[in-house]
C-alpha atoms as a PDB file:
ATOM      1  CA  MET A   1      59.214 176.540  99.610  1.00  0.00           C
ATOM      2  CA  LYS A   2      59.255 172.819  99.113  1.00  0.00           C
ATOM      3  CA  ARG A   3      55.731 171.556  98.789  1.00  0.00           C
ATOM      4  CA  PRO A   4      54.836 168.819 101.236  1.00  0.00           C
ATOM      5  CA  SER A   5      52.553 166.088  99.999  1.00  0.00           C
ATOM      6  CA  SER A   6      49.136 167.645  99.676  1.00  0.00           C
ATOM      7  CA  SER A   7      46.173 167.804  97.403  1.00  0.00           C
ATOM      8  CA  VAL A   8      47.259 171.151  95.921  1.00  0.00           C
ATOM      9  CA  VAL A   9      49.305 169.550  93.159  1.00  0.00           C
ATOM     10  CA  PRO A  10      48.773 165.815  92.758  1.00  0.00           C
ATOM     11  CA  ALA A  11      52.026 163.877  92.891  1.00  0.00           C
ATOM     12  CA  ILE A  12      52.845 162.053  89.697  1.00  0.00           C
ATOM     13  CA  GLY A  13      56.116 160.460  90.730  1.00  0.00           C
ATOM     14  CA  LEU A  14      58.030 161.026  87.506  1.00  0.00           C
ATOM     15  CA  GLY A  15      61.725 161.646  87.504  1.00  0.00           C
ATOM     16  CA  VAL A  16      63.936 162.641  84.630  1.00  0.00           C
ATOM     17  CA  ALA A  17      63.699 159.168  83.098  1.00  0.00           C
ATOM     18  CA  GLY A  18      59.956 159.602  82.592  1.00  0.00           C
ATOM     19  CA  LEU A  19      60.221 162.721  80.455  1.00  0.00           C
ATOM     20  CA  ALA A  20      61.259 163.249  76.870  1.00  0.00           C
ATOM     21  CA  VAL A  21      64.340 165.249  76.004  1.00  0.00           C
ATOM     22  CA  GLY A  22      63.395 168.737  74.896  1.00  0.00           C
ATOM     23  CA  SER A  23      64.697 172.035  73.619  1.00  0.00           C
ATOM     24  CA  PRO A  24      64.684 175.530  75.044  1.00  0.00           C
ATOM     25  CA  ALA A  25      61.177 176.698  75.841  1.00  0.00           C
ATOM     26  CA  SER A  26      61.137 179.297  73.097  1.00  0.00           C
ATOM     27  CA  ALA A  27      62.063 176.733  70.437  1.00  0.00           C
ATOM     28  CA  LEU A  28      59.430 174.119  71.264  1.00  0.00           C
ATOM     29  CA  SER A  29      56.446 175.685  69.564  1.00  0.00           C
ATOM     30  CA  SER A  30      55.606 178.216  66.930  1.00  0.00           C
ATOM     31  CA  ASN A  31      52.764 179.299  69.254  1.00  0.00           C
ATOM     32  CA  THR A  32      54.190 182.309  71.092  1.00  0.00           C
ATOM     33  CA  HIS A  33      51.931 181.486  74.046  1.00  0.00           C
ATOM     34  CA  SER A  34      53.237 177.934  74.574  1.00  0.00           C
ATOM     35  CA  ILE A  35      54.227 177.334  78.172  1.00  0.00           C
ATOM     36  CA  VAL A  36      55.967 174.063  77.209  1.00  0.00           C
ATOM     37  CA  GLY A  37      59.629 174.161  78.198  1.00  0.00           C
ATOM     38  CA  ARG A  38      61.867 174.823  81.182  1.00  0.00           C
ATOM     39  CA  TRP A  39      61.898 178.275  82.763  1.00  0.00           C
ATOM     40  CA  GLN A  40      64.577 179.394  85.204  1.00  0.00           C
ATOM     41  CA  GLN A  41      65.384 182.310  87.489  1.00  0.00           C
ATOM     42  CA  ASP A  42      67.545 183.221  90.451  1.00  0.00           C
ATOM     43  CA  HIS A  43      65.179 183.510  93.391  1.00  0.00           C
ATOM     44  CA  ARG A  44      65.880 186.163  95.976  1.00  0.00           C
ATOM     45  CA  CYS A  45      64.413 186.093  99.464  1.00  0.00           C
ATOM     46  CA  GLN A  46      63.348 189.747  99.382  1.00  0.00           C
ATOM     47  CA  GLN A  47      61.483 189.221  96.089  1.00  0.00           C
ATOM     48  CA  LEU A  48      59.362 186.554  97.764  1.00  0.00           C
ATOM     49  CA  VAL A  49      58.760 188.676 100.866  1.00  0.00           C
ATOM     50  CA  ASP A  50      57.816 191.686  98.714  1.00  0.00           C
ATOM     51  CA  ALA A  51      55.422 189.582  96.607  1.00  0.00           C
ATOM     52  CA  LEU A  52      53.722 188.203  99.709  1.00  0.00           C
ATOM     53  CA  ASP A  53      53.391 191.723 101.094  1.00  0.00           C
ATOM     54  CA  ALA A  54      51.915 193.056  97.839  1.00  0.00           C
ATOM     55  CA  LEU A  55      49.303 190.277  97.911  1.00  0.00           C
ATOM     56  CA  GLN A  56      48.346 190.974 101.567  1.00  0.00           C
ATOM     57  CA  LEU A  57      50.057 187.755 102.675  1.00  0.00           C
ATOM     58  CA  ALA A  58      53.040 189.227 104.554  1.00  0.00           C
ATOM     59  CA  ALA A  59      52.262 187.107 107.633  1.00  0.00           C
ATOM     60  CA  LEU A  60      53.205 184.005 105.598  1.00  0.00           C
ATOM     61  CA  ALA A  61      56.780 185.153 104.930  1.00  0.00           C
ATOM     62  CA  PRO A  62      58.561 183.360 107.833  1.00  0.00           C
ATOM     63  CA  GLY A  63      56.991 180.088 106.699  1.00  0.00           C
ATOM     64  CA  MET A  64      57.799 180.687 103.043  1.00  0.00           C
ATOM     65  CA  VAL A  65      61.503 181.593 103.100  1.00  0.00           C
ATOM     66  CA  GLY A  66      62.689 178.285 104.572  1.00  0.00           C
ATOM     67  CA  ASP A  67      64.574 177.273 101.423  1.00  0.00           C
ATOM     68  CA  TYR A  68      66.955 180.164 102.115  1.00  0.00           C
ATOM     69  CA  PHE A  69      67.420 179.089 105.747  1.00  0.00           C
ATOM     70  CA  PRO A  70      67.052 175.278 105.877  1.00  0.00           C
ATOM     71  CA  ASP A  71      68.387 175.044 109.443  1.00  0.00           C
ATOM     72  CA  GLN A  72      65.834 177.461 110.925  1.00  0.00           C
ATOM     73  CA  THR A  73      62.195 176.975 111.780  1.00  0.00           C
ATOM     74  CA  PRO A  74      59.497 179.441 110.730  1.00  0.00           C
ATOM     75  CA  GLU A  75      59.220 180.444 114.386  1.00  0.00           C
ATOM     76  CA  GLU A  76      62.948 181.233 114.526  1.00  0.00           C
ATOM     77  CA  LEU A  77      62.735 183.149 111.260  1.00  0.00           C
ATOM     78  CA  SER A  78      59.785 185.211 112.468  1.00  0.00           C
ATOM     79  CA  ALA A  79      61.976 186.480 115.337  1.00  0.00           C
ATOM     80  CA  LYS A  80      64.637 187.874 112.974  1.00  0.00           C
ATOM     81  CA  PRO A  81      64.683 191.691 112.734  1.00  0.00           C
ATOM     82  CA  ASP A  82      65.467 191.408 108.988  1.00  0.00           C
ATOM     83  CA  LEU A  83      63.881 188.227 107.694  1.00  0.00           C
ATOM     84  CA  CYS A  84      66.099 187.941 104.597  1.00  0.00           C
ATOM     85  CA  SER A  85      69.401 188.862 106.269  1.00  0.00           C
ATOM     86  CA  GLY A  86      72.019 186.325 105.181  1.00  0.00           C
ATOM     87  CA  ALA A  87      69.936 184.840 102.351  1.00  0.00           C
ATOM     88  CA  ARG A  88      71.732 184.027  99.112  1.00  0.00           C
ATOM     89  CA  PRO A  89      70.026 183.784  95.713  1.00  0.00           C
ATOM     90  CA  LEU A  90      68.857 180.300  94.773  1.00  0.00           C
ATOM     91  CA  GLN A  91      68.532 179.086  91.195  1.00  0.00           C
ATOM     92  CA  HIS A  92      65.129 177.533  90.549  1.00  0.00           C
ATOM     93  CA  SER A  93      63.277 176.300  87.492  1.00  0.00           C
ATOM     94  CA  HIS A  94      59.893 174.990  86.408  1.00  0.00           C
ATOM     95  CA  PHE A  95      59.182 172.647  83.553  1.00  0.00           C
ATOM     96  CA  PHE A  96      56.000 172.173  81.584  1.00  0.00           C
ATOM     97  CA  THR A  97      55.753 169.224  79.194  1.00  0.00           C
ATOM     98  CA  ALA A  98      53.635 168.851  76.074  1.00  0.00           C
ATOM     99  CA  SER A  99      51.791 166.053  77.922  1.00  0.00           C
ATOM    100  CA  GLU A 100      50.767 168.585  80.609  1.00  0.00           C
ATOM    101  CA  LEU A 101      53.162 167.557  83.379  1.00  0.00           C
ATOM    102  CA  PHE A 102      54.495 170.299  85.666  1.00  0.00           C
ATOM    103  CA  GLY A 103      57.492 170.238  87.961  1.00  0.00           C
ATOM    104  CA  SER A 104      60.010 172.420  89.768  1.00  0.00           C
ATOM    105  CA  LEU A 105      63.737 171.924  90.244  1.00  0.00           C
ATOM    106  CA  ASP A 106      65.741 173.407  93.085  1.00  0.00           C
ATOM    107  CA  GLN A 107      69.290 174.761  92.830  1.00  0.00           C
ATOM    108  CA  ASP A 108      70.665 171.204  93.092  1.00  0.00           C
ATOM    109  CA  TRP A 109      68.376 169.914  90.302  1.00  0.00           C
ATOM    110  CA  ASN A 110      66.208 168.024  92.779  1.00  0.00           C
ATOM    111  CA  GLN A 111      62.586 167.872  91.738  1.00  0.00           C
ATOM    112  CA  VAL A 112      60.609 169.684  94.453  1.00  0.00           C
ATOM    113  CA  ASP A 113      57.174 169.967  92.824  1.00  0.00           C
ATOM    114  CA  ASP A 114      55.253 167.724  90.517  1.00  0.00           C
ATOM    115  CA  GLY A 115      51.771 167.607  89.162  1.00  0.00           C
ATOM    116  CA  THR A 116      49.743 168.380  86.113  1.00  0.00           C
ATOM    117  CA  TYR A 117      48.726 171.600  84.449  1.00  0.00           C
ATOM    118  CA  VAL A 118      46.211 172.656  81.865  1.00  0.00           C
ATOM    119  CA  THR A 119      46.330 175.722  79.642  1.00  0.00           C
ATOM    120  CA  VAL A 120      42.915 177.373  79.999  1.00  0.00           C
ATOM    121  CA  ASN A 121      43.543 179.934  77.251  1.00  0.00           C
ATOM    122  CA  GLU A 122      46.472 181.860  75.773  1.00  0.00           C
ATOM    123  CA  ASP A 123      47.195 183.646  79.054  1.00  0.00           C
ATOM    124  CA  THR A 124      45.752 181.459  81.844  1.00  0.00           C
ATOM    125  CA  LEU A 125      46.819 178.098  83.200  1.00  0.00           C
ATOM    126  CA  LYS A 126      45.933 175.879  86.128  1.00  0.00           C
ATOM    127  CA  ILE A 127      48.432 173.822  88.087  1.00  0.00           C
ATOM    128  CA  GLY A 128      46.368 171.402  90.113  1.00  0.00           C
ATOM    129  CA  GLY A 129      43.570 173.599  91.456  1.00  0.00           C
ATOM    130  CA  ALA A 130      45.626 176.814  91.401  1.00  0.00           C
ATOM    131  CA  THR A 131      45.067 179.395  88.656  1.00  0.00           C
ATOM    132  CA  PHE A 132      47.800 181.618  87.209  1.00  0.00           C
ATOM    133  CA  ASP A 133      47.924 184.291  84.555  1.00  0.00           C
ATOM    134  CA  PHE A 134      50.977 183.939  82.338  1.00  0.00           C
ATOM    135  CA  MET A 135      52.621 185.936  79.609  1.00  0.00           C
ATOM    136  CA  ILE A 136      55.432 184.875  77.313  1.00  0.00           C
ATOM    137  CA  GLN A 137      57.469 187.458  75.443  1.00  0.00           C
ATOM    138  CA  GLY A 138      60.340 185.994  73.465  1.00  0.00           C
ATOM    139  CA  ASP A 139      62.120 183.698  75.881  1.00  0.00           C
ATOM    140  CA  THR A 140      60.749 185.207  79.101  1.00  0.00           C
ATOM    141  CA  LEU A 141      57.779 184.066  81.146  1.00  0.00           C
ATOM    142  CA  SER A 142      55.803 186.038  83.718  1.00  0.00           C
ATOM    143  CA  LEU A 143      53.492 184.239  86.161  1.00  0.00           C
ATOM    144  CA  GLU A 144      50.882 185.912  88.358  1.00  0.00           C
ATOM    145  CA  PRO A 145      48.797 183.922  90.836  1.00  0.00           C
ATOM    146  CA  ARG A 146      45.032 184.395  90.972  1.00  0.00           C
ATOM    147  CA  ILE A 147      44.587 183.957  94.708  1.00  0.00           C
ATOM    148  CA  THR A 148      40.959 183.725  95.766  1.00  0.00           C
ATOM    149  CA  THR A 149      39.535 185.303  98.907  1.00  0.00           C
ATOM    150  CA  LYS A 150      38.993 181.805 100.316  1.00  0.00           C
ATOM    151  CA  GLN A 151      42.633 180.803  99.637  1.00  0.00           C
ATOM    152  CA  ARG A 152      43.884 184.030 101.262  1.00  0.00           C
ATOM    153  CA  LYS A 153      41.712 183.531 104.370  1.00  0.00           C
ATOM    154  CA  GLU A 154      42.801 179.892 104.709  1.00  0.00           C
ATOM    155  CA  ALA A 155      46.467 180.899 104.465  1.00  0.00           C
ATOM    156  CA  LEU A 156      46.177 183.683 107.013  1.00  0.00           C
ATOM    157  CA  ARG A 157      44.334 181.424 109.466  1.00  0.00           C
ATOM    158  CA  ASN A 158      47.606 179.554 110.093  1.00  0.00           C
ATOM    159  CA  PRO A 159      50.369 181.634 108.425  1.00  0.00           C
ATOM    160  CA  LEU A 160      53.325 179.379 109.268  1.00  0.00           C
ATOM    161  CA  ALA A 161      51.712 176.247 107.791  1.00  0.00           C
ATOM    162  CA  PHE A 162      51.695 175.186 104.146  1.00  0.00           C
ATOM    163  CA  SER A 163      48.905 176.861 102.170  1.00  0.00           C
ATOM    164  CA  THR A 164      47.743 176.967  98.590  1.00  0.00           C
ATOM    165  CA  ALA A 165      48.034 180.770  98.523  1.00  0.00           C
ATOM    166  CA  GLY A 166      51.611 180.714  99.813  1.00  0.00           C
ATOM    167  CA  TRP A 167      52.552 177.948  97.392  1.00  0.00           C
ATOM    168  CA  MET A 168      51.100 179.964  94.502  1.00  0.00           C
ATOM    169  CA  VAL A 169      53.286 182.952  95.379  1.00  0.00           C
ATOM    170  CA  ALA A 170      56.361 180.728  95.775  1.00  0.00           C
ATOM    171  CA  VAL A 171      55.691 179.081  92.399  1.00  0.00           C
ATOM    172  CA  SER A 172      55.219 182.337  90.534  1.00  0.00           C
ATOM    173  CA  TYR A 173      57.441 184.942  92.242  1.00  0.00           C
ATOM    174  CA  PRO A 174      55.000 187.572  90.901  1.00  0.00           C
ATOM    175  CA  GLY A 175      56.571 190.687  89.448  1.00  0.00           C
ATOM    176  CA  THR A 176      59.611 188.759  88.196  1.00  0.00           C
ATOM    177  CA  THR A 177      60.364 186.974  84.929  1.00  0.00           C
ATOM    178  CA  TRP A 178      61.604 183.500  84.134  1.00  0.00           C
ATOM    179  CA  LYS A 179      64.084 182.817  81.310  1.00  0.00           C
ATOM    180  CA  GLY A 180      63.535 179.981  78.845  1.00  0.00           C
ATOM    181  CA  VAL A 181      66.461 177.541  79.114  1.00  0.00           C
ATOM    182  CA  PRO A 182      67.313 174.139  77.627  1.00  0.00           C
ATOM    183  CA  CYS A 183      65.197 171.343  79.075  1.00  0.00           C
ATOM    184  CA  PHE A 184      68.003 168.786  79.569  1.00  0.00           C
ATOM    185  CA  GLY A 185      65.461 165.983  79.721  1.00  0.00           C
ATOM    186  CA  TRP A 186      62.901 167.643  81.976  1.00  0.00           C
ATOM    187  CA  CYS A 187      60.339 168.593  79.318  1.00  0.00           C
END
């Protein structure tokens, strides 16, 4: 889900030219908990739908899978008998810099998220006002959103609109892992 301009993650307006060239995430720090680096995975529509369902946010799914179906509206998608029918995997990555910048890259290397993050402790981070648990084992990253009751209620009030809770699920793809990959100038 491409994040529209909002206050969830403040825009910082940096492209690749504004970031230092880096190494694979696992090679950037001797701290095994360092989030600094670029993390990549192949997103699958059903993974996102399943994660939303597990977090009691299933009603958000038609508004969240738009990247898989760019020519269809959430209303059109909600009428499909099998929401993910015809969806192909999409490569996606996040980058975290040592100067606490966060961003996401779509399958075409377009930056689709930007903001700042702060590491709260060795297994918690905040991106904008959103809190995530994270775990790094070797060169894999797991992200789990900490969605508050207020965020869940706000999302379910208008399930086809952008919401912090939906964005948090789309950022993390809970229950999946991200692979540390070379930064190629993004971190």
